[in-house]
Structure formats: structure tokens, C-alpha cells
């Protein structure tokens, strides 16, 4: 989803369990500027660590042409899912849960529809 967002063909992007483990190229970060992005990731994801999602958020915030910090909540959102410690889950469940939570959220659809 993030790679597609760099094409600037979409008004906004929702991403679940972002998995790029490297450093996002500066050109990709530049192309993502101003594209509303909402990332969902579980802290217990056993496929891609949550640092993959926090890394892209930090890259966008640190970029020298970054969006005004006061507008960040509208254009850049990170939802960290906290696993239920009492529930035992199958391997990979927390990875998939991010997509399930995002796709079941009325707030996500309202946010997408509110984008210009």
C-alpha cells in the first residue's frame, strides 16, 4: 500500500502491518508528503515488528519538507494494537489482526470519505 501511495494516484492510504525493514529511500518519503496515511500495526506482530511502521512514521515526520506538525493528526495516523495477554493466539494472528481491525473500523471509512 505504501509503495502504491508514492504514485500519488490515491487520496489516502490505509496500511496494515507495514513490513519494509530497511530505510525508506528519501525519494519515497518525498513522494509520500501530503498523502494521508493511516497505519495499523500490532505490538505483538510476529511477522513484521512494529518498528517497521514506526520507522515510516518517523521518516515522514523527520523529512525536511514535512507536513505542518499541527496538521499531522489528519494526514498521518498510527494505531498500535495491544494484544490481549490472557488470550493465546496462533502464530501470525497478530499480523493479520491489524488488517481485520482496520477493515472493520467505521472510523477508517469515515476518514477515507472525508479526504479531499
Protein backbone atom coordinates (compact mmCIF):
# COMPACT_ATOMS: atom_id res chain seq x y z
CA UNK A 1 0.00 0.00 0.00
CA UNK A 2 2.77 2.45 0.86
CA UNK A 3 4.55 1.76 -2.42
CA UNK A 4 1.32 2.45 -4.31
CA UNK A 5 0.85 5.67 -2.35
CA UNK A 6 4.12 7.01 -3.77
CA UNK A 7 2.44 7.08 -7.20
CA UNK A 8 0.17 9.84 -5.82
CA UNK A 9 -2.82 8.19 -7.55
CA UNK A 10 -4.77 7.86 -4.29
CA UNK A 11 -6.33 10.43 -1.98
CA UNK A 12 -5.26 8.44 1.07
CA UNK A 13 -3.97 5.05 2.12
CA UNK A 14 -4.70 2.64 4.96
CA UNK A 15 -1.91 0.18 5.64
CA UNK A 16 -1.86 -2.81 7.99
CA UNK A 17 1.33 -4.34 9.39
CA UNK A 18 3.75 -2.39 7.21
CA UNK A 19 6.73 -4.64 6.58
CA UNK A 20 9.59 -2.78 4.95
CA UNK A 21 12.56 -3.43 7.23
CA UNK A 22 15.08 -1.10 5.62
CA UNK A 23 15.39 2.65 5.50
CA UNK A 24 12.79 4.19 3.23
CA UNK A 25 14.53 5.98 0.33
CA UNK A 26 14.43 9.77 0.57
CA UNK A 27 12.61 9.99 -2.78
CA UNK A 28 9.84 7.69 -1.49
CA UNK A 29 9.49 9.82 1.66
CA UNK A 30 9.30 12.95 -0.51
CA UNK A 31 6.57 11.41 -2.66
CA UNK A 32 4.56 10.44 0.42
CA UNK A 33 4.49 14.01 1.73
CA UNK A 34 0.91 15.26 1.93
CA UNK A 35 -0.66 11.84 1.22
CA UNK A 36 -2.93 10.95 4.14
CA UNK A 37 -1.67 7.68 5.61
CA UNK A 38 -3.17 5.60 8.41
CA UNK A 39 -1.10 2.65 9.58
CA UNK A 40 -2.37 -0.16 11.84
CA UNK A 41 0.15 -2.49 13.49
CA UNK A 42 0.06 -4.87 16.45
CA UNK A 43 2.79 -4.59 19.05
CA UNK A 44 2.87 -8.41 19.11
CA UNK A 45 3.17 -8.89 15.32
CA UNK A 46 5.45 -11.91 14.85
CA UNK A 47 5.83 -11.44 11.08
CA UNK A 48 6.93 -7.79 10.86
CA UNK A 49 7.98 -5.95 14.01
CA UNK A 50 6.09 -2.77 14.85
CA UNK A 51 9.33 -0.82 14.35
CA UNK A 52 8.68 -1.16 10.59
CA UNK A 53 5.58 1.02 10.96
CA UNK A 54 7.11 3.42 13.48
CA UNK A 55 10.10 3.80 11.16
CA UNK A 56 7.99 5.06 8.26
CA UNK A 57 6.12 7.43 10.57
CA UNK A 58 9.41 8.80 11.91
CA UNK A 59 10.80 9.14 8.38
CA UNK A 60 7.78 11.20 7.35
CA UNK A 61 7.99 13.38 10.46
CA UNK A 62 11.73 13.97 10.08
CA UNK A 63 11.74 14.76 6.36
CA UNK A 64 12.82 18.35 5.76
CA UNK A 65 9.73 19.34 3.80
CA UNK A 66 7.36 17.63 6.18
CA UNK A 67 3.73 18.49 6.65
CA UNK A 68 2.95 21.07 9.31
CA UNK A 69 3.09 19.24 12.65
CA UNK A 70 -0.28 20.75 13.66
CA UNK A 71 -1.92 19.00 10.70
CA UNK A 72 -0.22 15.66 11.37
CA UNK A 73 -3.24 14.00 13.05
CA UNK A 74 -5.28 14.49 9.91
CA UNK A 75 -2.63 13.29 7.45
CA UNK A 76 -0.62 10.74 9.42
CA UNK A 77 -2.08 8.26 11.87
CA UNK A 78 -0.55 5.24 13.59
CA UNK A 79 -2.79 2.87 15.50
CA UNK A 80 -0.83 0.49 17.71
CA UNK A 81 -2.83 -2.57 18.65
CA UNK A 82 -2.21 -4.04 22.09
CA UNK A 83 -2.66 -7.82 22.25
CA UNK A 84 -4.79 -9.46 24.91
CA UNK A 85 -2.21 -11.05 27.20
CA UNK A 86 -4.76 -13.56 28.51
CA UNK A 87 -5.67 -14.87 25.06
CA UNK A 88 -3.35 -17.34 23.38
CA UNK A 89 -3.21 -16.75 19.64
CA UNK A 90 -1.89 -18.73 16.71
CA UNK A 91 1.38 -17.68 15.03
CA UNK A 92 0.72 -14.84 12.61
CA UNK A 93 -2.61 -13.90 14.18
CA UNK A 94 -1.45 -10.50 15.45
CA UNK A 95 -0.06 -9.76 11.99
CA UNK A 96 -3.45 -10.42 10.40
CA UNK A 97 -5.38 -8.76 13.24
CA UNK A 98 -4.15 -5.33 12.15
CA UNK A 99 -5.89 -5.73 8.78
CA UNK A 100 -9.01 -7.12 10.43
CA UNK A 101 -9.25 -4.20 12.85
CA UNK A 102 -8.63 -1.63 10.11
CA UNK A 103 -11.17 -3.14 7.72
CA UNK A 104 -13.84 -3.40 10.43
CA UNK A 105 -13.43 0.21 11.61
CA UNK A 106 -16.20 2.62 10.67
CA UNK A 107 -13.81 5.41 11.63
CA UNK A 108 -11.41 4.34 8.85
CA UNK A 109 -14.14 4.54 6.20
CA UNK A 110 -15.35 7.90 7.51
CA UNK A 111 -11.77 9.19 7.42
CA UNK A 112 -11.24 7.96 3.84
CA UNK A 113 -14.50 9.52 2.68
CA UNK A 114 -13.62 12.82 4.32
CA UNK A 115 -10.40 13.20 2.33
CA UNK A 116 -10.43 15.76 -0.47
